[in-house]
């Protein structure tokens, strides 16, 4: 769920998918809201071995505003809340892996 690139890279590989357009770096919320709309209900399902929630708001915010903008504080706060909620929902046999694809300079590059 999230970045629609997954379906492009791996067509017909997912039991369920919730893709959202990912290339509009001016949009900080659509993909993240879409992931949140489905993430918690999917965590309660028992038929998956791998669950991917690909949020883009922090990345888009950094490229648009840089890392020190108030919007970055908002997006990081949202992601912190998601991580906390997921940790509270998963059981002791589920592994949570949180990754990022790159760092960021002070100018957002």
PDB file of N, CA and C in Angstrom:
ATOM      1  N   UNK A   1       0.840  -1.179   0.000  1.00  0.00           N
ATOM      2  CA  UNK A   1       0.000   0.000   0.000  1.00  0.00           C
ATOM      3  C   UNK A   1       0.878   1.231   0.000  1.00  0.00           C
ATOM      4  N   UNK A   2       0.441   2.229  -0.703  1.00  0.00           N
ATOM      5  CA  UNK A   2       1.219   3.449  -0.795  1.00  0.00           C
ATOM      6  C   UNK A   2       1.700   3.704  -2.200  1.00  0.00           C
ATOM      7  N   UNK A   3       3.010   3.875  -2.330  1.00  0.00           N
ATOM      8  CA  UNK A   3       3.647   4.217  -3.597  1.00  0.00           C
ATOM      9  C   UNK A   3       3.249   3.233  -4.695  1.00  0.00           C
ATOM     10  N   UNK A   4       2.651   3.747  -5.766  1.00  0.00           N
ATOM     11  CA  UNK A   4       2.170   2.884  -6.854  1.00  0.00           C
ATOM     12  C   UNK A   4       3.288   2.243  -7.670  1.00  0.00           C
ATOM     13  N   UNK A   5       4.520   2.627  -7.420  1.00  0.00           N
ATOM     14  CA  UNK A   5       5.658   2.034  -8.123  1.00  0.00           C
ATOM     15  C   UNK A   5       5.747   0.533  -7.863  1.00  0.00           C
ATOM     16  N   UNK A   6       5.345   0.079  -6.682  1.00  0.00           N
ATOM     17  CA  UNK A   6       5.398  -1.352  -6.352  1.00  0.00           C
ATOM     18  C   UNK A   6       4.616  -2.181  -7.372  1.00  0.00           C
ATOM     19  N   UNK A   7       3.424  -1.727  -7.727  1.00  0.00           N
ATOM     20  CA  UNK A   7       2.614  -2.480  -8.694  1.00  0.00           C
ATOM     21  C   UNK A   7       3.232  -2.452 -10.085  1.00  0.00           C
ATOM     22  N   UNK A   8       3.927  -1.363 -10.418  1.00  0.00           N
ATOM     23  CA  UNK A   8       4.615  -1.298 -11.696  1.00  0.00           C
ATOM     24  C   UNK A   8       5.804  -2.242 -11.756  1.00  0.00           C
ATOM     25  N   UNK A   9       6.533  -2.345 -10.651  1.00  0.00           N
ATOM     26  CA  UNK A   9       7.708  -3.215 -10.593  1.00  0.00           C
ATOM     27  C   UNK A   9       7.334  -4.688 -10.452  1.00  0.00           C
ATOM     28  N   UNK A  10       6.247  -4.945  -9.730  1.00  0.00           N
ATOM     29  CA  UNK A  10       5.833  -6.328  -9.436  1.00  0.00           C
ATOM     30  C   UNK A  10       4.357  -6.521  -9.772  1.00  0.00           C
ATOM     31  N   UNK A  11       4.005  -6.481 -11.046  1.00  0.00           N
ATOM     32  CA  UNK A  11       2.585  -6.603 -11.408  1.00  0.00           C
ATOM     33  C   UNK A  11       2.019  -7.965 -11.028  1.00  0.00           C
ATOM     34  N   UNK A  12       0.806  -7.946 -10.541  1.00  0.00           N
ATOM     35  CA  UNK A  12       0.058  -9.162 -10.186  1.00  0.00           C
ATOM     36  C   UNK A  12       0.765 -10.030  -9.148  1.00  0.00           C
ATOM     37  N   UNK A  13       1.564  -9.429  -8.292  1.00  0.00           N
ATOM     38  CA  UNK A  13       2.280 -10.186  -7.270  1.00  0.00           C
ATOM     39  C   UNK A  13       1.645 -10.060  -5.889  1.00  0.00           C
ATOM     40  N   UNK A  14       0.752  -9.112  -5.732  1.00  0.00           N
ATOM     41  CA  UNK A  14       0.199  -8.847  -4.409  1.00  0.00           C
ATOM     42  C   UNK A  14      -1.230  -9.358  -4.301  1.00  0.00           C
ATOM     43  N   UNK A  15      -1.534  -9.975  -3.161  1.00  0.00           N
ATOM     44  CA  UNK A  15      -2.871 -10.476  -2.897  1.00  0.00           C
ATOM     45  C   UNK A  15      -3.868  -9.309  -2.873  1.00  0.00           C
ATOM     46  N   UNK A  16      -3.475  -8.252  -2.209  1.00  0.00           N
ATOM     47  CA  UNK A  16      -4.258  -7.016  -2.166  1.00  0.00           C
ATOM     48  C   UNK A  16      -3.271  -5.869  -2.326  1.00  0.00           C
ATOM     49  N   UNK A  17      -3.706  -4.799  -2.965  1.00  0.00           N
ATOM     50  CA  UNK A  17      -2.841  -3.627  -3.056  1.00  0.00           C
ATOM     51  C   UNK A  17      -3.697  -2.369  -3.037  1.00  0.00           C
ATOM     52  N   UNK A  18      -3.108  -1.332  -2.511  1.00  0.00           N
ATOM     53  CA  UNK A  18      -3.774  -0.040  -2.398  1.00  0.00           C
ATOM     54  C   UNK A  18      -2.778   1.006  -2.896  1.00  0.00           C
ATOM     55  N   UNK A  19      -2.626   1.113  -4.222  1.00  0.00           N
ATOM     56  CA  UNK A  19      -1.629   2.026  -4.777  1.00  0.00           C
ATOM     57  C   UNK A  19      -2.155   3.460  -4.889  1.00  0.00           C
ATOM     58  N   UNK A  20      -1.240   4.387  -4.704  1.00  0.00           N
ATOM     59  CA  UNK A  20      -1.549   5.810  -4.836  1.00  0.00           C
ATOM     60  C   UNK A  20      -0.457   6.448  -5.689  1.00  0.00           C
ATOM     61  N   UNK A  21      -0.810   7.457  -6.514  1.00  0.00           N
ATOM     62  CA  UNK A  21       0.186   8.090  -7.381  1.00  0.00           C
ATOM     63  C   UNK A  21       1.311   8.718  -6.554  1.00  0.00           C
ATOM     64  N   UNK A  22       2.544   8.467  -6.995  1.00  0.00           N
ATOM     65  CA  UNK A  22       3.678   8.788  -6.131  1.00  0.00           C
ATOM     66  C   UNK A  22       4.589   9.901  -6.619  1.00  0.00           C
ATOM     67  N   UNK A  23       4.400  10.428  -7.788  1.00  0.00           N
ATOM     68  CA  UNK A  23       5.385  11.353  -8.337  1.00  0.00           C
ATOM     69  C   UNK A  23       5.090  12.831  -8.121  1.00  0.00           C
ATOM     70  N   UNK A  24       3.987  13.173  -7.478  1.00  0.00           N
ATOM     71  CA  UNK A  24       3.685  14.574  -7.205  1.00  0.00           C
ATOM     72  C   UNK A  24       4.321  14.972  -5.873  1.00  0.00           C
ATOM     73  N   UNK A  25       5.547  15.491  -5.928  1.00  0.00           N
ATOM     74  CA  UNK A  25       6.250  15.834  -4.684  1.00  0.00           C
ATOM     75  C   UNK A  25       5.618  17.025  -3.962  1.00  0.00           C
ATOM     76  N   UNK A  26       4.680  17.693  -4.600  1.00  0.00           N
ATOM     77  CA  UNK A  26       3.974  18.790  -3.934  1.00  0.00           C
ATOM     78  C   UNK A  26       2.869  18.273  -3.023  1.00  0.00           C
ATOM     79  N   UNK A  27       2.471  17.032  -3.211  1.00  0.00           N
ATOM     80  CA  UNK A  27       1.409  16.426  -2.410  1.00  0.00           C
ATOM     81  C   UNK A  27       2.035  15.644  -1.253  1.00  0.00           C
ATOM     82  N   UNK A  28       1.914  16.171  -0.058  1.00  0.00           N
ATOM     83  CA  UNK A  28       2.536  15.556   1.113  1.00  0.00           C
ATOM     84  C   UNK A  28       1.637  14.544   1.811  1.00  0.00           C
ATOM     85  N   UNK A  29       0.378  14.463   1.439  1.00  0.00           N
ATOM     86  CA  UNK A  29      -0.564  13.731   2.270  1.00  0.00           C
ATOM     87  C   UNK A  29      -1.346  12.599   1.605  1.00  0.00           C
ATOM     88  N   UNK A  30      -1.600  12.643   0.307  1.00  0.00           N
ATOM     89  CA  UNK A  30      -2.484  11.658  -0.317  1.00  0.00           C
ATOM     90  C   UNK A  30      -1.993  10.230  -0.115  1.00  0.00           C
ATOM     91  N   UNK A  31      -0.733   9.971  -0.407  1.00  0.00           N
ATOM     92  CA  UNK A  31      -0.207   8.607  -0.274  1.00  0.00           C
ATOM     93  C   UNK A  31      -0.226   8.183   1.191  1.00  0.00           C
ATOM     94  N   UNK A  32       0.240   9.048   2.080  1.00  0.00           N
ATOM     95  CA  UNK A  32       0.282   8.702   3.504  1.00  0.00           C
ATOM     96  C   UNK A  32      -1.110   8.440   4.057  1.00  0.00           C
ATOM     97  N   UNK A  33      -2.069   9.278   3.689  1.00  0.00           N
ATOM     98  CA  UNK A  33      -3.445   9.058   4.154  1.00  0.00           C
ATOM     99  C   UNK A  33      -3.994   7.738   3.616  1.00  0.00           C
ATOM    100  N   UNK A  34      -3.670   7.418   2.376  1.00  0.00           N
ATOM    101  CA  UNK A  34      -4.122   6.156   1.798  1.00  0.00           C
ATOM    102  C   UNK A  34      -3.535   4.958   2.514  1.00  0.00           C
ATOM    103  N   UNK A  35      -2.262   5.032   2.851  1.00  0.00           N
ATOM    104  CA  UNK A  35      -1.645   3.925   3.591  1.00  0.00           C
ATOM    105  C   UNK A  35      -2.322   3.774   4.942  1.00  0.00           C
ATOM    106  N   UNK A  36      -2.503   4.881   5.649  1.00  0.00           N
ATOM    107  CA  UNK A  36      -3.156   4.807   6.968  1.00  0.00           C
ATOM    108  C   UNK A  36      -4.583   4.284   6.867  1.00  0.00           C
ATOM    109  N   UNK A  37      -5.278   4.621   5.795  1.00  0.00           N
ATOM    110  CA  UNK A  37      -6.654   4.145   5.612  1.00  0.00           C
ATOM    111  C   UNK A  37      -6.737   2.628   5.568  1.00  0.00           C
ATOM    112  N   UNK A  38      -5.667   1.961   5.151  1.00  0.00           N
ATOM    113  CA  UNK A  38      -5.686   0.506   4.980  1.00  0.00           C
ATOM    114  C   UNK A  38      -4.764  -0.243   5.942  1.00  0.00           C
ATOM    115  N   UNK A  39      -3.758   0.406   6.469  1.00  0.00           N
ATOM    116  CA  UNK A  39      -2.712  -0.273   7.234  1.00  0.00           C
ATOM    117  C   UNK A  39      -3.252  -1.020   8.445  1.00  0.00           C
ATOM    118  N   UNK A  40      -4.020  -0.372   9.262  1.00  0.00           N
ATOM    119  CA  UNK A  40      -4.433  -0.983  10.524  1.00  0.00           C
ATOM    120  C   UNK A  40      -5.385  -2.154  10.307  1.00  0.00           C
ATOM    121  N   UNK A  41      -6.275  -2.051   9.312  1.00  0.00           N
ATOM    122  CA  UNK A  41      -7.154  -3.194   9.016  1.00  0.00           C
ATOM    123  C   UNK A  41      -6.349  -4.347   8.436  1.00  0.00           C
ATOM    124  N   UNK A  42      -5.323  -4.058   7.647  1.00  0.00           N
ATOM    125  CA  UNK A  42      -4.485  -5.127   7.094  1.00  0.00           C
ATOM    126  C   UNK A  42      -3.667  -5.811   8.177  1.00  0.00           C
ATOM    127  N   UNK A  43      -3.230  -5.063   9.180  1.00  0.00           N
ATOM    128  CA  UNK A  43      -2.490  -5.675  10.286  1.00  0.00           C
ATOM    129  C   UNK A  43      -3.326  -6.737  10.990  1.00  0.00           C
ATOM    130  N   UNK A  44      -4.633  -6.563  10.990  1.00  0.00           N
ATOM    131  CA  UNK A  44      -5.523  -7.519  11.652  1.00  0.00           C
ATOM    132  C   UNK A  44      -5.804  -8.757  10.810  1.00  0.00           C
ATOM    133  N   UNK A  45      -5.442  -8.731   9.524  1.00  0.00           N
ATOM    134  CA  UNK A  45      -5.619  -9.906   8.674  1.00  0.00           C
ATOM    135  C   UNK A  45      -4.558 -10.946   9.053  1.00  0.00           C
ATOM    136  N   UNK A  46      -4.824 -12.192   8.749  1.00  0.00           N
ATOM    137  CA  UNK A  46      -3.868 -13.251   9.087  1.00  0.00           C
ATOM    138  C   UNK A  46      -3.343 -13.976   7.849  1.00  0.00           C
ATOM    139  N   UNK A  47      -3.662 -13.478   6.664  1.00  0.00           N
ATOM    140  CA  UNK A  47      -3.294 -14.190   5.444  1.00  0.00           C
ATOM    141  C   UNK A  47      -2.075 -13.609   4.726  1.00  0.00           C
ATOM    142  N   UNK A  48      -1.313 -12.763   5.376  1.00  0.00           N
ATOM    143  CA  UNK A  48      -0.131 -12.189   4.734  1.00  0.00           C
ATOM    144  C   UNK A  48       1.145 -12.617   5.445  1.00  0.00           C
ATOM    145  N   UNK A  49       2.232 -12.673   4.662  1.00  0.00           N
ATOM    146  CA  UNK A  49       3.565 -12.939   5.195  1.00  0.00           C
ATOM    147  C   UNK A  49       4.428 -11.692   5.176  1.00  0.00           C
ATOM    148  N   UNK A  50       4.108 -10.777   4.270  1.00  0.00           N
ATOM    149  CA  UNK A  50       4.824  -9.517   4.134  1.00  0.00           C
ATOM    150  C   UNK A  50       3.803  -8.431   3.873  1.00  0.00           C
ATOM    151  N   UNK A  51       3.894  -7.367   4.629  1.00  0.00           N
ATOM    152  CA  UNK A  51       2.988  -6.233   4.476  1.00  0.00           C
ATOM    153  C   UNK A  51       3.852  -4.996   4.265  1.00  0.00           C
ATOM    154  N   UNK A  52       3.629  -4.307   3.152  1.00  0.00           N
ATOM    155  CA  UNK A  52       4.423  -3.127   2.824  1.00  0.00           C
ATOM    156  C   UNK A  52       3.533  -1.900   2.913  1.00  0.00           C
ATOM    157  N   UNK A  53       3.938  -0.945   3.729  1.00  0.00           N
ATOM    158  CA  UNK A  53       3.297   0.358   3.810  1.00  0.00           C
ATOM    159  C   UNK A  53       4.323   1.397   3.413  1.00  0.00           C
ATOM    160  N   UNK A  54       4.239   1.887   2.189  1.00  0.00           N
ATOM    161  CA  UNK A  54       5.247   2.802   1.656  1.00  0.00           C
ATOM    162  C   UNK A  54       4.731   4.238   1.719  1.00  0.00           C
ATOM    163  N   UNK A  55       5.102   4.918   2.780  1.00  0.00           N
ATOM    164  CA  UNK A  55       4.744   6.320   2.986  1.00  0.00           C
ATOM    165  C   UNK A  55       5.692   7.200   2.178  1.00  0.00           C
ATOM    166  N   UNK A  56       5.210   8.336   1.693  1.00  0.00           N
ATOM    167  CA  UNK A  56       6.047   9.239   0.896  1.00  0.00           C
ATOM    168  C   UNK A  56       6.086  10.667   1.417  1.00  0.00           C
ATOM    169  N   UNK A  57       5.270  10.997   2.394  1.00  0.00           N
ATOM    170  CA  UNK A  57       5.160  12.383   2.827  1.00  0.00           C
ATOM    171  C   UNK A  57       6.455  12.995   3.328  1.00  0.00           C
ATOM    172  N   UNK A  58       7.228  12.260   4.111  1.00  0.00           N
ATOM    173  CA  UNK A  58       8.493  12.798   4.625  1.00  0.00           C
ATOM    174  C   UNK A  58       9.443  13.056   3.468  1.00  0.00           C
ATOM    175  N   UNK A  59       9.543  12.117   2.542  1.00  0.00           N
ATOM    176  CA  UNK A  59      10.414  12.286   1.386  1.00  0.00           C
ATOM    177  C   UNK A  59       9.992  13.494   0.554  1.00  0.00           C
ATOM    178  N   UNK A  60       8.719  13.563   0.222  1.00  0.00           N
ATOM    179  CA  UNK A  60       8.234  14.686  -0.578  1.00  0.00           C
ATOM    180  C   UNK A  60       8.439  16.005   0.152  1.00  0.00           C
ATOM    181  N   UNK A  61       8.175  16.026   1.438  1.00  0.00           N
ATOM    182  CA  UNK A  61       8.345  17.247   2.222  1.00  0.00           C
ATOM    183  C   UNK A  61       9.798  17.709   2.201  1.00  0.00           C
ATOM    184  N   UNK A  62      10.713  16.768   2.365  1.00  0.00           N
ATOM    185  CA  UNK A  62      12.127  17.120   2.350  1.00  0.00           C
ATOM    186  C   UNK A  62      12.566  17.698   1.026  1.00  0.00           C
ATOM    187  N   UNK A  63      12.093  17.099  -0.058  1.00  0.00           N
ATOM    188  CA  UNK A  63      12.464  17.622  -1.374  1.00  0.00           C
ATOM    189  C   UNK A  63      11.817  18.978  -1.640  1.00  0.00           C
ATOM    190  N   UNK A  64      10.635  19.164  -1.124  1.00  0.00           N
ATOM    191  CA  UNK A  64       9.925  20.427  -1.371  1.00  0.00           C
ATOM    192  C   UNK A  64      10.428  21.550  -0.481  1.00  0.00           C
ATOM    193  N   UNK A  65      10.595  21.276   0.815  1.00  0.00           N
ATOM    194  CA  UNK A  65      10.899  22.336   1.776  1.00  0.00           C
ATOM    195  C   UNK A  65      12.270  22.227   2.433  1.00  0.00           C
ATOM    196  N   UNK A  66      12.903  21.058   2.376  1.00  0.00           N
ATOM    197  CA  UNK A  66      14.121  20.840   3.139  1.00  0.00           C
ATOM    198  C   UNK A  66      13.790  20.262   4.504  1.00  0.00           C
ATOM    199  N   UNK A  67      14.810  19.819   5.239  1.00  0.00           N
ATOM    200  CA  UNK A  67      14.567  19.083   6.480  1.00  0.00           C
ATOM    201  C   UNK A  67      14.177  19.924   7.693  1.00  0.00           C
ATOM    202  N   UNK A  68      14.334  21.219   7.634  1.00  0.00           N
ATOM    203  CA  UNK A  68      14.106  22.048   8.826  1.00  0.00           C
ATOM    204  C   UNK A  68      12.814  22.857   8.788  1.00  0.00           C
ATOM    205  N   UNK A  69      11.951  22.573   7.865  1.00  0.00           N
ATOM    206  CA  UNK A  69      10.691  23.298   7.700  1.00  0.00           C
ATOM    207  C   UNK A  69       9.645  22.760   8.678  1.00  0.00           C
ATOM    208  N   UNK A  70       8.715  23.602   9.139  1.00  0.00           N
ATOM    209  CA  UNK A  70       7.647  23.116  10.029  1.00  0.00           C
ATOM    210  C   UNK A  70       6.810  21.979   9.439  1.00  0.00           C
ATOM    211  N   UNK A  71       6.658  21.927   8.124  1.00  0.00           N
ATOM    212  CA  UNK A  71       5.923  20.809   7.517  1.00  0.00           C
ATOM    213  C   UNK A  71       6.645  19.485   7.759  1.00  0.00           C
ATOM    214  N   UNK A  72       7.975  19.525   7.826  1.00  0.00           N
ATOM    215  CA  UNK A  72       8.727  18.307   8.116  1.00  0.00           C
ATOM    216  C   UNK A  72       8.425  17.839   9.537  1.00  0.00           C
ATOM    217  N   UNK A  73       8.332  18.759  10.464  1.00  0.00           N
ATOM    218  CA  UNK A  73       7.967  18.384  11.837  1.00  0.00           C
ATOM    219  C   UNK A  73       6.602  17.707  11.855  1.00  0.00           C
ATOM    220  N   UNK A  74       5.665  18.244  11.087  1.00  0.00           N
ATOM    221  CA  UNK A  74       4.318  17.650  11.016  1.00  0.00           C
ATOM    222  C   UNK A  74       4.379  16.230  10.453  1.00  0.00           C
ATOM    223  N   UNK A  75       5.088  16.065   9.315  1.00  0.00           N
ATOM    224  CA  UNK A  75       5.143  14.749   8.679  1.00  0.00           C
ATOM    225  C   UNK A  75       5.886  13.739   9.557  1.00  0.00           C
ATOM    226  N   UNK A  76       6.975  14.141  10.187  1.00  0.00           N
ATOM    227  CA  UNK A  76       7.690  13.228  11.080  1.00  0.00           C
ATOM    228  C   UNK A  76       6.827  12.846  12.276  1.00  0.00           C
ATOM    229  N   UNK A  77       6.056  13.805  12.786  1.00  0.00           N
ATOM    230  CA  UNK A  77       5.133  13.500  13.887  1.00  0.00           C
ATOM    231  C   UNK A  77       4.088  12.471  13.468  1.00  0.00           C
ATOM    232  N   UNK A  78       3.560  12.619  12.257  1.00  0.00           N
ATOM    233  CA  UNK A  78       2.577  11.650  11.755  1.00  0.00           C
ATOM    234  C   UNK A  78       3.185  10.252  11.654  1.00  0.00           C
ATOM    235  N   UNK A  79       4.396  10.167  11.115  1.00  0.00           N
ATOM    236  CA  UNK A  79       5.043   8.865  10.955  1.00  0.00           C
ATOM    237  C   UNK A  79       5.374   8.268  12.322  1.00  0.00           C
ATOM    238  N   UNK A  80       5.807   9.085  13.260  1.00  0.00           N
ATOM    239  CA  UNK A  80       6.059   8.585  14.618  1.00  0.00           C
ATOM    240  C   UNK A  80       4.797   7.971  15.210  1.00  0.00           C
ATOM    241  N   UNK A  81       3.665   8.624  14.992  1.00  0.00           N
ATOM    242  CA  UNK A  81       2.395   8.099  15.496  1.00  0.00           C
ATOM    243  C   UNK A  81       2.051   6.771  14.828  1.00  0.00           C
ATOM    244  N   UNK A  82       2.261   6.681  13.522  1.00  0.00           N
ATOM    245  CA  UNK A  82       1.993   5.427  12.804  1.00  0.00           C
ATOM    246  C   UNK A  82       2.863   4.308  13.366  1.00  0.00           C
ATOM    247  N   UNK A  83       4.153   4.575  13.520  1.00  0.00           N
ATOM    248  CA  UNK A  83       5.060   3.539  14.031  1.00  0.00           C
ATOM    249  C   UNK A  83       4.637   3.097  15.421  1.00  0.00           C
ATOM    250  N   UNK A  84       4.305   4.040  16.273  1.00  0.00           N
ATOM    251  CA  UNK A  84       3.860   3.708  17.635  1.00  0.00           C
ATOM    252  C   UNK A  84       2.605   2.839  17.593  1.00  0.00           C
ATOM    253  N   UNK A  85       1.650   3.210  16.755  1.00  0.00           N
ATOM    254  CA  UNK A  85       0.398   2.457  16.662  1.00  0.00           C
ATOM    255  C   UNK A  85       0.642   1.051  16.119  1.00  0.00           C
ATOM    256  N   UNK A  86       1.503   0.932  15.118  1.00  0.00           N
ATOM    257  CA  UNK A  86       1.811  -0.390  14.567  1.00  0.00           C
ATOM    258  C   UNK A  86       2.482  -1.255  15.632  1.00  0.00           C
ATOM    259  N   UNK A  87       3.441  -0.705  16.347  1.00  0.00           N
ATOM    260  CA  UNK A  87       4.124  -1.468  17.405  1.00  0.00           C
ATOM    261  C   UNK A  87       3.121  -1.950  18.446  1.00  0.00           C
ATOM    262  N   UNK A  88       2.159  -1.132  18.777  1.00  0.00           N
ATOM    263  CA  UNK A  88       1.139  -1.522  19.758  1.00  0.00           C
ATOM    264  C   UNK A  88       0.217  -2.610  19.217  1.00  0.00           C
ATOM    265  N   UNK A  89       0.041  -2.685  17.892  1.00  0.00           N
ATOM    266  CA  UNK A  89      -0.888  -3.643  17.288  1.00  0.00           C
ATOM    267  C   UNK A  89      -0.267  -4.994  16.975  1.00  0.00           C
ATOM    268  N   UNK A  90       1.017  -5.039  16.663  1.00  0.00           N
ATOM    269  CA  UNK A  90       1.611  -6.305  16.234  1.00  0.00           C
ATOM    270  C   UNK A  90       1.935  -7.193  17.430  1.00  0.00           C
ATOM    271  N   UNK A  91       2.003  -8.483  17.154  1.00  0.00           N
ATOM    272  CA  UNK A  91       2.322  -9.434  18.226  1.00  0.00           C
ATOM    273  C   UNK A  91       3.830  -9.683  18.283  1.00  0.00           C
ATOM    274  N   UNK A  92       4.242 -10.509  19.212  1.00  0.00           N
ATOM    275  CA  UNK A  92       5.667 -10.756  19.438  1.00  0.00           C
ATOM    276  C   UNK A  92       6.329 -11.587  18.342  1.00  0.00           C
ATOM    277  N   UNK A  93       5.546 -12.137  17.424  1.00  0.00           N
ATOM    278  CA  UNK A  93       6.137 -12.930  16.343  1.00  0.00           C
ATOM    279  C   UNK A  93       6.228 -12.136  15.032  1.00  0.00           C
ATOM    280  N   UNK A  94       5.828 -10.892  15.056  1.00  0.00           N
ATOM    281  CA  UNK A  94       5.850 -10.056  13.857  1.00  0.00           C
ATOM    282  C   UNK A  94       7.030  -9.098  13.928  1.00  0.00           C
ATOM    283  N   UNK A  95       7.791  -9.025  12.862  1.00  0.00           N
ATOM    284  CA  UNK A  95       8.938  -8.133  12.790  1.00  0.00           C
ATOM    285  C   UNK A  95       8.553  -6.858  12.044  1.00  0.00           C
ATOM    286  N   UNK A  96       8.857  -5.723  12.626  1.00  0.00           N
ATOM    287  CA  UNK A  96       8.646  -4.432  11.982  1.00  0.00           C
ATOM    288  C   UNK A  96       9.997  -3.915  11.521  1.00  0.00           C
ATOM    289  N   UNK A  97      10.085  -3.594  10.244  1.00  0.00           N
ATOM    290  CA  UNK A  97      11.304  -3.016   9.672  1.00  0.00           C
ATOM    291  C   UNK A  97      10.938  -1.649   9.113  1.00  0.00           C
ATOM    292  N   UNK A  98      11.619  -0.620   9.573  1.00  0.00           N
ATOM    293  CA  UNK A  98      11.391   0.750   9.107  1.00  0.00           C
ATOM    294  C   UNK A  98      12.654   1.186   8.377  1.00  0.00           C
ATOM    295  N   UNK A  99      12.502   1.561   7.119  1.00  0.00           N
ATOM    296  CA  UNK A  99      13.664   1.951   6.328  1.00  0.00           C
ATOM    297  C   UNK A  99      13.390   3.243   5.571  1.00  0.00           C
ATOM    298  N   UNK A 100      14.461   3.890   5.170  1.00  0.00           N
ATOM    299  CA  UNK A 100      14.405   5.047   4.287  1.00  0.00           C
ATOM    300  C   UNK A 100      15.318   4.783   3.106  1.00  0.00           C
ATOM    301  N   UNK A 101      15.072   5.449   2.006  1.00  0.00           N
ATOM    302  CA  UNK A 101      15.871   5.154   0.815  1.00  0.00           C
ATOM    303  C   UNK A 101      17.047   6.093   0.616  1.00  0.00           C
ATOM    304  N   UNK A 102      17.136   7.176   1.367  1.00  0.00           N
ATOM    305  CA  UNK A 102      18.277   8.084   1.235  1.00  0.00           C
ATOM    306  C   UNK A 102      18.241   9.114   2.359  1.00  0.00           C
ATOM    307  N   UNK A 103      19.331   9.793   2.526  1.00  0.00           N
ATOM    308  CA  UNK A 103      19.407  10.899   3.473  1.00  0.00           C
ATOM    309  C   UNK A 103      18.990  12.191   2.792  1.00  0.00           C
ATOM    310  N   UNK A 104      19.328  13.323   3.430  1.00  0.00           N
ATOM    311  CA  UNK A 104      18.911  14.590   2.868  1.00  0.00           C
ATOM    312  C   UNK A 104      19.875  15.694   3.269  1.00  0.00           C
ATOM    313  N   UNK A 105      20.165  16.558   2.329  1.00  0.00           N
ATOM    314  CA  UNK A 105      20.990  17.726   2.629  1.00  0.00           C
ATOM    315  C   UNK A 105      20.103  18.833   3.190  1.00  0.00           C
ATOM    316  N   UNK A 106      20.711  19.913   3.617  1.00  0.00           N
ATOM    317  CA  UNK A 106      19.947  21.023   4.184  1.00  0.00           C
ATOM    318  C   UNK A 106      19.083  21.715   3.142  1.00  0.00           C
ATOM    319  N   UNK A 107      19.354  21.497   1.848  1.00  0.00           N
ATOM    320  CA  UNK A 107      18.547  22.087   0.797  1.00  0.00           C
ATOM    321  C   UNK A 107      17.480  21.140   0.247  1.00  0.00           C
ATOM    322  N   UNK A 108      17.393  19.933   0.819  1.00  0.00           N
ATOM    323  CA  UNK A 108      16.368  18.996   0.374  1.00  0.00           C
ATOM    324  C   UNK A 108      16.800  18.069  -0.735  1.00  0.00           C
ATOM    325  N   UNK A 109      18.040  18.018  -1.030  1.00  0.00           N
ATOM    326  CA  UNK A 109      18.539  17.122  -2.088  1.00  0.00           C
ATOM    327  C   UNK A 109      19.135  15.881  -1.474  1.00  0.00           C
TER     328      UNK A 109
END
